[in-house]
Amino acid sequence: MNSIYGRVTDPQGNPIPQATVLFTGSSPTHTDIAARTNATGEYRYTNLTPGLYTLMVNAEGFPTQTQQIQVNSGEDAQLDFHLDSQIK
């Protein structure tokens, strides 16, 4: 338990594979600070310390997006990212 998981999608709801999802700011310390989305746009961090996490997503051709999520003891938290229009 104590995980953050989610999906990164484009404006049409299509998955964005190989997007980088990073812990930033004052997030609690974790051994992995970055993850890549899989072919279906999904990512997961496990074995997290409860607390407030700030995650940032970078995907080629899209603007960076940042969101926060609270992880409570014994719970999984879902945080999806719907990226805006591609950068021209």
PDB file of N, CA and C in Angstrom:
ATOM      1  N   MET A   1       0.839  -1.192   0.000  1.00  0.00           N
ATOM      2  CA  MET A   1       0.000   0.000   0.000  1.00  0.00           C
ATOM      3  C   MET A   1       0.881   1.252   0.000  1.00  0.00           C
ATOM      4  N   ASN A   2       0.261   2.387   0.208  1.00  0.00           N
ATOM      5  CA  ASN A   2       0.949   3.679   0.140  1.00  0.00           C
ATOM      6  C   ASN A   2       1.620   3.864  -1.215  1.00  0.00           C
ATOM      7  N   SER A   3       0.792   3.909  -2.249  1.00  0.00           N
ATOM      8  CA  SER A   3       1.337   4.129  -3.578  1.00  0.00           C
ATOM      9  C   SER A   3       0.591   5.264  -4.274  1.00  0.00           C
ATOM     10  N   ILE A   4       1.242   5.814  -5.299  1.00  0.00           N
ATOM     11  CA  ILE A   4       0.609   6.753  -6.211  1.00  0.00           C
ATOM     12  C   ILE A   4       0.653   6.093  -7.580  1.00  0.00           C
ATOM     13  N   TYR A   5      -0.490   6.081  -8.237  1.00  0.00           N
ATOM     14  CA  TYR A   5      -0.547   5.517  -9.576  1.00  0.00           C
ATOM     15  C   TYR A   5      -1.437   6.402 -10.436  1.00  0.00           C
ATOM     16  N   GLY A   6      -1.310   6.257 -11.731  1.00  0.00           N
ATOM     17  CA  GLY A   6      -2.164   7.031 -12.610  1.00  0.00           C
ATOM     18  C   GLY A   6      -1.820   6.816 -14.056  1.00  0.00           C
ATOM     19  N   ARG A   7      -2.409   7.672 -14.880  1.00  0.00           N
ATOM     20  CA  ARG A   7      -2.264   7.566 -16.326  1.00  0.00           C
ATOM     21  C   ARG A   7      -2.023   8.960 -16.895  1.00  0.00           C
ATOM     22  N   VAL A   8      -1.199   9.026 -17.928  1.00  0.00           N
ATOM     23  CA  VAL A   8      -0.918  10.280 -18.617  1.00  0.00           C
ATOM     24  C   VAL A   8      -1.525  10.167 -20.018  1.00  0.00           C
ATOM     25  N   THR A   9      -2.409  11.133 -20.347  1.00  0.00           N
ATOM     26  CA  THR A   9      -3.095  11.096 -21.630  1.00  0.00           C
ATOM     27  C   THR A   9      -3.020  12.446 -22.342  1.00  0.00           C
ATOM     28  N   ASP A  10      -3.279  12.410 -23.643  1.00  0.00           N
ATOM     29  CA  ASP A  10      -3.305  13.630 -24.448  1.00  0.00           C
ATOM     30  C   ASP A  10      -4.715  14.228 -24.424  1.00  0.00           C
ATOM     31  N   PRO A  11      -4.954  15.350 -25.115  1.00  0.00           N
ATOM     32  CA  PRO A  11      -6.269  15.991 -25.065  1.00  0.00           C
ATOM     33  C   PRO A  11      -7.423  15.102 -25.544  1.00  0.00           C
ATOM     34  N   GLN A  12      -7.126  14.125 -26.391  1.00  0.00           N
ATOM     35  CA  GLN A  12      -8.160  13.217 -26.876  1.00  0.00           C
ATOM     36  C   GLN A  12      -8.339  11.982 -25.998  1.00  0.00           C
ATOM     37  N   GLY A  13      -7.548  11.892 -24.922  1.00  0.00           N
ATOM     38  CA  GLY A  13      -7.640  10.742 -24.025  1.00  0.00           C
ATOM     39  C   GLY A  13      -6.764   9.569 -24.413  1.00  0.00           C
ATOM     40  N   ASN A  14      -5.902   9.762 -25.404  1.00  0.00           N
ATOM     41  CA  ASN A  14      -4.975   8.706 -25.808  1.00  0.00           C
ATOM     42  C   ASN A  14      -3.793   8.641 -24.849  1.00  0.00           C
ATOM     43  N   PRO A  15      -3.298   7.441 -24.547  1.00  0.00           N
ATOM     44  CA  PRO A  15      -2.158   7.332 -23.638  1.00  0.00           C
ATOM     45  C   PRO A  15      -0.910   7.957 -24.229  1.00  0.00           C
ATOM     46  N   ILE A  16      -0.063   8.487 -23.336  1.00  0.00           N
ATOM     47  CA  ILE A  16       1.236   9.024 -23.741  1.00  0.00           C
ATOM     48  C   ILE A  16       2.310   8.122 -23.130  1.00  0.00           C
ATOM     49  N   PRO A  17       2.866   7.202 -23.938  1.00  0.00           N
ATOM     50  CA  PRO A  17       3.934   6.341 -23.428  1.00  0.00           C
ATOM     51  C   PRO A  17       5.248   7.100 -23.296  1.00  0.00           C
ATOM     52  N   GLN A  18       6.085   6.642 -22.392  1.00  0.00           N
ATOM     53  CA  GLN A  18       7.426   7.179 -22.157  1.00  0.00           C
ATOM     54  C   GLN A  18       7.437   8.612 -21.629  1.00  0.00           C
ATOM     55  N   ALA A  19       6.325   9.078 -21.048  1.00  0.00           N
ATOM     56  CA  ALA A  19       6.330  10.362 -20.350  1.00  0.00           C
ATOM     57  C   ALA A  19       7.087  10.167 -19.036  1.00  0.00           C
ATOM     58  N   THR A  20       7.774  11.205 -18.573  1.00  0.00           N
ATOM     59  CA  THR A  20       8.511  11.141 -17.314  1.00  0.00           C
ATOM     60  C   THR A  20       7.669  11.784 -16.218  1.00  0.00           C
ATOM     61  N   VAL A  21       7.459  11.037 -15.123  1.00  0.00           N
ATOM     62  CA  VAL A  21       6.709  11.522 -13.962  1.00  0.00           C
ATOM     63  C   VAL A  21       7.708  11.646 -12.816  1.00  0.00           C
ATOM     64  N   LEU A  22       7.896  12.889 -12.302  1.00  0.00           N
ATOM     65  CA  LEU A  22       8.930  13.170 -11.297  1.00  0.00           C
ATOM     66  C   LEU A  22       8.339  13.681 -10.002  1.00  0.00           C
ATOM     67  N   PHE A  23       8.972  13.330  -8.873  1.00  0.00           N
ATOM     68  CA  PHE A  23       8.682  13.992  -7.598  1.00  0.00           C
ATOM     69  C   PHE A  23       9.425  15.323  -7.601  1.00  0.00           C
ATOM     70  N   THR A  24       8.772  16.388  -7.168  1.00  0.00           N
ATOM     71  CA  THR A  24       9.416  17.692  -7.117  1.00  0.00           C
ATOM     72  C   THR A  24       9.104  18.372  -5.791  1.00  0.00           C
ATOM     73  N   GLY A  25       9.672  19.564  -5.642  1.00  0.00           N
ATOM     74  CA  GLY A  25       9.357  20.398  -4.480  1.00  0.00           C
ATOM     75  C   GLY A  25       9.685  19.731  -3.164  1.00  0.00           C
ATOM     76  N   SER A  26       8.780  19.862  -2.225  1.00  0.00           N
ATOM     77  CA  SER A  26       9.009  19.366  -0.868  1.00  0.00           C
ATOM     78  C   SER A  26       8.399  17.989  -0.645  1.00  0.00           C
ATOM     79  N   SER A  27       8.293  17.172  -1.694  1.00  0.00           N
ATOM     80  CA  SER A  27       7.764  15.817  -1.554  1.00  0.00           C
ATOM     81  C   SER A  27       8.617  15.024  -0.575  1.00  0.00           C
ATOM     82  N   PRO A  28       7.998  14.104   0.201  1.00  0.00           N
ATOM     83  CA  PRO A  28       8.803  13.249   1.080  1.00  0.00           C
ATOM     84  C   PRO A  28       9.854  12.474   0.269  1.00  0.00           C
ATOM     85  N   THR A  29      10.964  12.149   0.899  1.00  0.00           N
ATOM     86  CA  THR A  29      12.057  11.433   0.245  1.00  0.00           C
ATOM     87  C   THR A  29      11.614  10.043  -0.191  1.00  0.00           C
ATOM     88  N   HIS A  30      12.027   9.661  -1.393  1.00  0.00           N
ATOM     89  CA  HIS A  30      11.744   8.328  -1.919  1.00  0.00           C
ATOM     90  C   HIS A  30      12.936   7.910  -2.770  1.00  0.00           C
ATOM     91  N   THR A  31      13.219   6.606  -2.810  1.00  0.00           N
ATOM     92  CA  THR A  31      14.397   6.131  -3.534  1.00  0.00           C
ATOM     93  C   THR A  31      14.303   6.404  -5.032  1.00  0.00           C
ATOM     94  N   ASP A  32      13.118   6.278  -5.614  1.00  0.00           N
ATOM     95  CA  ASP A  32      12.929   6.578  -7.031  1.00  0.00           C
ATOM     96  C   ASP A  32      12.287   7.951  -7.147  1.00  0.00           C
ATOM     97  N   ILE A  33      12.951   8.876  -7.815  1.00  0.00           N
ATOM     98  CA  ILE A  33      12.360  10.207  -7.947  1.00  0.00           C
ATOM     99  C   ILE A  33      11.719  10.414  -9.314  1.00  0.00           C
ATOM    100  N   ALA A  34      11.934   9.466 -10.236  1.00  0.00           N
ATOM    101  CA  ALA A  34      11.340   9.586 -11.563  1.00  0.00           C
ATOM    102  C   ALA A  34      10.885   8.215 -12.053  1.00  0.00           C
ATOM    103  N   ALA A  35       9.800   8.222 -12.823  1.00  0.00           N
ATOM    104  CA  ALA A  35       9.278   6.998 -13.431  1.00  0.00           C
ATOM    105  C   ALA A  35       8.872   7.329 -14.861  1.00  0.00           C
ATOM    106  N   ARG A  36       8.830   6.325 -15.705  1.00  0.00           N
ATOM    107  CA  ARG A  36       8.365   6.484 -17.081  1.00  0.00           C
ATOM    108  C   ARG A  36       7.027   5.768 -17.224  1.00  0.00           C
ATOM    109  N   THR A  37       6.145   6.348 -18.034  1.00  0.00           N
ATOM    110  CA  THR A  37       4.881   5.680 -18.292  1.00  0.00           C
ATOM    111  C   THR A  37       5.109   4.513 -19.253  1.00  0.00           C
ATOM    112  N   ASN A  38       4.243   3.513 -19.140  1.00  0.00           N
ATOM    113  CA  ASN A  38       4.351   2.352 -20.017  1.00  0.00           C
ATOM    114  C   ASN A  38       3.581   2.599 -21.320  1.00  0.00           C
ATOM    115  N   ALA A  39       3.394   1.570 -22.122  1.00  0.00           N
ATOM    116  CA  ALA A  39       2.742   1.706 -23.427  1.00  0.00           C
ATOM    117  C   ALA A  39       1.302   2.199 -23.327  1.00  0.00           C
ATOM    118  N   THR A  40       0.658   1.998 -22.175  1.00  0.00           N
ATOM    119  CA  THR A  40      -0.724   2.452 -22.000  1.00  0.00           C
ATOM    120  C   THR A  40      -0.792   3.751 -21.192  1.00  0.00           C
ATOM    121  N   GLY A  41       0.372   4.425 -21.023  1.00  0.00           N
ATOM    122  CA  GLY A  41       0.416   5.715 -20.343  1.00  0.00           C
ATOM    123  C   GLY A  41       0.347   5.637 -18.830  1.00  0.00           C
ATOM    124  N   GLU A  42       0.518   4.442 -18.257  1.00  0.00           N
ATOM    125  CA  GLU A  42       0.392   4.256 -16.811  1.00  0.00           C
ATOM    126  C   GLU A  42       1.746   4.339 -16.100  1.00  0.00           C
ATOM    127  N   TYR A  43       1.699   4.827 -14.858  1.00  0.00           N
ATOM    128  CA  TYR A  43       2.884   4.877 -13.991  1.00  0.00           C
ATOM    129  C   TYR A  43       2.464   4.470 -12.589  1.00  0.00           C
ATOM    130  N   ARG A  44       3.440   4.125 -11.750  1.00  0.00           N
ATOM    131  CA  ARG A  44       3.165   3.760 -10.357  1.00  0.00           C
ATOM    132  C   ARG A  44       4.413   3.946  -9.516  1.00  0.00           C
ATOM    133  N   TYR A  45       4.230   4.542  -8.347  1.00  0.00           N
ATOM    134  CA  TYR A  45       5.248   4.596  -7.296  1.00  0.00           C
ATOM    135  C   TYR A  45       4.706   3.797  -6.121  1.00  0.00           C
ATOM    136  N   THR A  46       5.536   2.968  -5.507  1.00  0.00           N
ATOM    137  CA  THR A  46       5.085   2.148  -4.374  1.00  0.00           C
ATOM    138  C   THR A  46       5.951   2.410  -3.147  1.00  0.00           C
ATOM    139  N   ASN A  47       5.504   1.887  -2.012  1.00  0.00           N
ATOM    140  CA  ASN A  47       6.230   1.985  -0.736  1.00  0.00           C
ATOM    141  C   ASN A  47       6.535   3.433  -0.361  1.00  0.00           C
ATOM    142  N   LEU A  48       5.526   4.290  -0.469  1.00  0.00           N
ATOM    143  CA  LEU A  48       5.701   5.708  -0.164  1.00  0.00           C
ATOM    144  C   LEU A  48       5.440   6.016   1.301  1.00  0.00           C
ATOM    145  N   THR A  49       6.131   7.010   1.812  1.00  0.00           N
ATOM    146  CA  THR A  49       5.864   7.554   3.135  1.00  0.00           C
ATOM    147  C   THR A  49       4.613   8.421   3.015  1.00  0.00           C
ATOM    148  N   PRO A  50       3.673   8.325   3.953  1.00  0.00           N
ATOM    149  CA  PRO A  50       2.510   9.210   3.875  1.00  0.00           C
ATOM    150  C   PRO A  50       2.947  10.680   3.852  1.00  0.00           C
ATOM    151  N   GLY A  51       2.212  11.489   3.111  1.00  0.00           N
ATOM    152  CA  GLY A  51       2.526  12.904   3.020  1.00  0.00           C
ATOM    153  C   GLY A  51       1.989  13.512   1.742  1.00  0.00           C
ATOM    154  N   LEU A  52       2.294  14.782   1.555  1.00  0.00           N
ATOM    155  CA  LEU A  52       1.865  15.524   0.375  1.00  0.00           C
ATOM    156  C   LEU A  52       2.972  15.469  -0.670  1.00  0.00           C
ATOM    157  N   TYR A  53       2.648  14.966  -1.842  1.00  0.00           N
ATOM    158  CA  TYR A  53       3.610  14.824  -2.932  1.00  0.00           C
ATOM    159  C   TYR A  53       3.265  15.784  -4.062  1.00  0.00           C
ATOM    160  N   THR A  54       4.297  16.340  -4.691  1.00  0.00           N
ATOM    161  CA  THR A  54       4.144  17.149  -5.879  1.00  0.00           C
ATOM    162  C   THR A  54       4.775  16.381  -7.022  1.00  0.00           C
ATOM    163  N   LEU A  55       3.998  16.115  -8.062  1.00  0.00           N
ATOM    164  CA  LEU A  55       4.483  15.384  -9.223  1.00  0.00           C
ATOM    165  C   LEU A  55       4.434  16.271 -10.451  1.00  0.00           C
ATOM    166  N   MET A  56       5.447  16.138 -11.286  1.00  0.00           N
ATOM    167  CA  MET A  56       5.532  16.890 -12.526  1.00  0.00           C
ATOM    168  C   MET A  56       5.682  15.897 -13.673  1.00  0.00           C
ATOM    169  N   VAL A  57       4.980  16.161 -14.769  1.00  0.00           N
ATOM    170  CA  VAL A  57       5.061  15.294 -15.944  1.00  0.00           C
ATOM    171  C   VAL A  57       5.701  16.054 -17.097  1.00  0.00           C
ATOM    172  N   ASN A  58       6.675  15.393 -17.729  1.00  0.00           N
ATOM    173  CA  ASN A  58       7.306  15.886 -18.952  1.00  0.00           C
ATOM    174  C   ASN A  58       7.055  14.853 -20.039  1.00  0.00           C
ATOM    175  N   ALA A  59       6.530  15.310 -21.155  1.00  0.00           N
ATOM    176  CA  ALA A  59       6.344  14.439 -22.314  1.00  0.00           C
ATOM    177  C   ALA A  59       6.711  15.235 -23.555  1.00  0.00           C
ATOM    178  N   GLU A  60       7.462  14.620 -24.427  1.00  0.00           N
ATOM    179  CA  GLU A  60       7.925  15.319 -25.628  1.00  0.00           C
ATOM    180  C   GLU A  60       6.743  15.859 -26.427  1.00  0.00           C
ATOM    181  N   GLY A  61       6.811  17.167 -26.731  1.00  0.00           N
ATOM    182  CA  GLY A  61       5.782  17.796 -27.533  1.00  0.00           C
ATOM    183  C   GLY A  61       4.618  18.364 -26.745  1.00  0.00           C
ATOM    184  N   PHE A  62       4.638  18.210 -25.414  1.00  0.00           N
ATOM    185  CA  PHE A  62       3.555  18.713 -24.571  1.00  0.00           C
ATOM    186  C   PHE A  62       4.103  19.643 -23.498  1.00  0.00           C
ATOM    187  N   PRO A  63       3.301  20.630 -23.059  1.00  0.00           N
ATOM    188  CA  PRO A  63       3.737  21.471 -21.948  1.00  0.00           C
ATOM    189  C   PRO A  63       3.837  20.647 -20.657  1.00  0.00           C
ATOM    190  N   THR A  64       4.785  21.010 -19.801  1.00  0.00           N
ATOM    191  CA  THR A  64       4.944  20.363 -18.501  1.00  0.00           C
ATOM    192  C   THR A  64       3.728  20.653 -17.637  1.00  0.00           C
ATOM    193  N   GLN A  65       3.333  19.659 -16.837  1.00  0.00           N
ATOM    194  CA  GLN A  65       2.199  19.841 -15.928  1.00  0.00           C
ATOM    195  C   GLN A  65       2.597  19.365 -14.532  1.00  0.00           C
ATOM    196  N   THR A  66       2.157  20.103 -13.495  1.00  0.00           N
ATOM    197  CA  THR A  66       2.453  19.768 -12.103  1.00  0.00           C
ATOM    198  C   THR A  66       1.151  19.670 -11.316  1.00  0.00           C
ATOM    199  N   GLN A  67       1.050  18.655 -10.444  1.00  0.00           N
ATOM    200  CA  GLN A  67      -0.102  18.480  -9.564  1.00  0.00           C
ATOM    201  C   GLN A  67       0.377  17.971  -8.213  1.00  0.00           C
ATOM    202  N   GLN A  68      -0.469  18.159  -7.200  1.00  0.00           N
ATOM    203  CA  GLN A  68      -0.172  17.634  -5.857  1.00  0.00           C
ATOM    204  C   GLN A  68      -1.205  16.584  -5.473  1.00  0.00           C
ATOM    205  N   ILE A  69      -0.774  15.661  -4.616  1.00  0.00           N
ATOM    206  CA  ILE A  69      -1.670  14.633  -4.112  1.00  0.00           C
ATOM    207  C   ILE A  69      -1.231  14.219  -2.710  1.00  0.00           C
ATOM    208  N   GLN A  70      -2.188  13.949  -1.858  1.00  0.00           N
ATOM    209  CA  GLN A  70      -1.935  13.490  -0.489  1.00  0.00           C
ATOM    210  C   GLN A  70      -1.961  11.970  -0.468  1.00  0.00           C
ATOM    211  N   VAL A  71      -0.938  11.367   0.119  1.00  0.00           N
ATOM    212  CA  VAL A  71      -0.888   9.927   0.315  1.00  0.00           C
ATOM    213  C   VAL A  71      -1.099   9.669   1.804  1.00  0.00           C
ATOM    214  N   ASN A  72      -2.153   8.941   2.117  1.00  0.00           N
ATOM    215  CA  ASN A  72      -2.469   8.608   3.510  1.00  0.00           C
ATOM    216  C   ASN A  72      -1.978   7.210   3.829  1.00  0.00           C
ATOM    217  N   SER A  73      -1.701   6.945   5.090  1.00  0.00           N
ATOM    218  CA  SER A  73      -1.198   5.649   5.534  1.00  0.00           C
ATOM    219  C   SER A  73      -2.161   4.532   5.138  1.00  0.00           C
ATOM    220  N   GLY A  74      -1.611   3.497   4.496  1.00  0.00           N
ATOM    221  CA  GLY A  74      -2.399   2.332   4.130  1.00  0.00           C
ATOM    222  C   GLY A  74      -3.296   2.519   2.929  1.00  0.00           C
ATOM    223  N   GLU A  75      -3.107   3.595   2.170  1.00  0.00           N
ATOM    224  CA  GLU A  75      -3.978   3.855   1.024  1.00  0.00           C
ATOM    225  C   GLU A  75      -3.174   4.055  -0.252  1.00  0.00           C
ATOM    226  N   ASP A  76      -3.831   3.770  -1.376  1.00  0.00           N
ATOM    227  CA  ASP A  76      -3.289   4.088  -2.688  1.00  0.00           C
ATOM    228  C   ASP A  76      -3.980   5.350  -3.175  1.00  0.00           C
ATOM    229  N   ALA A  77      -3.257   6.191  -3.881  1.00  0.00           N
ATOM    230  CA  ALA A  77      -3.807   7.448  -4.383  1.00  0.00           C
ATOM    231  C   ALA A  77      -3.655   7.493  -5.902  1.00  0.00           C
ATOM    232  N   GLN A  78      -4.737   7.859  -6.581  1.00  0.00           N
ATOM    233  CA  GLN A  78      -4.704   7.954  -8.040  1.00  0.00           C
ATOM    234  C   GLN A  78      -4.554   9.394  -8.470  1.00  0.00           C
ATOM    235  N   LEU A  79      -3.587   9.635  -9.376  1.00  0.00           N
ATOM    236  CA  LEU A  79      -3.357  10.969  -9.918  1.00  0.00           C
ATOM    237  C   LEU A  79      -3.122  10.842 -11.421  1.00  0.00           C
ATOM    238  N   ASP A  80      -4.146  11.217 -12.191  1.00  0.00           N
ATOM    239  CA  ASP A  80      -4.054  11.184 -13.644  1.00  0.00           C
ATOM    240  C   ASP A  80      -3.656  12.560 -14.171  1.00  0.00           C
ATOM    241  N   PHE A  81      -2.943  12.566 -15.275  1.00  0.00           N
ATOM    242  CA  PHE A  81      -2.550  13.802 -15.938  1.00  0.00           C
ATOM    243  C   PHE A  81      -3.147  13.809 -17.341  1.00  0.00           C
ATOM    244  N   HIS A  82      -3.883  14.858 -17.673  1.00  0.00           N
ATOM    245  CA  HIS A  82      -4.428  15.054 -19.015  1.00  0.00           C
ATOM    246  C   HIS A  82      -3.693  16.261 -19.599  1.00  0.00           C
ATOM    247  N   LEU A  83      -2.716  15.982 -20.442  1.00  0.00           N
ATOM    248  CA  LEU A  83      -1.856  17.041 -20.954  1.00  0.00           C
ATOM    249  C   LEU A  83      -2.571  17.875 -22.019  1.00  0.00           C
ATOM    250  N   ASP A  84      -2.249  19.159 -22.036  1.00  0.00           N
ATOM    251  CA  ASP A  84      -2.849  20.108 -22.975  1.00  0.00           C
ATOM    252  C   ASP A  84      -2.319  19.860 -24.383  1.00  0.00           C
ATOM    253  N   SER A  85      -2.816  20.671 -25.285  1.00  0.00           N
ATOM    254  CA  SER A  85      -2.429  20.585 -26.693  1.00  0.00           C
ATOM    255  C   SER A  85      -0.917  20.551 -26.839  1.00  0.00           C
ATOM    256  N   GLN A  86      -0.487  19.906 -27.898  1.00  0.00           N
ATOM    257  CA  GLN A  86       0.940  19.809 -28.177  1.00  0.00           C
ATOM    258  C   GLN A  86       1.539  21.180 -28.433  1.00  0.00           C
ATOM    259  N   ILE A  87       2.815  21.310 -28.069  1.00  0.00           N
ATOM    260  CA  ILE A  87       3.581  22.516 -28.333  1.00  0.00           C
ATOM    261  C   ILE A  87       3.862  22.578 -29.834  1.00  0.00           C
ATOM    262  N   LYS A  88       3.671  23.727 -30.409  1.00  0.00           N
ATOM    263  CA  LYS A  88       3.900  23.877 -31.858  1.00  0.00           C
ATOM    264  C   LYS A  88       5.265  24.452 -32.113  1.00  0.00           C
TER     265      LYS A  88
END
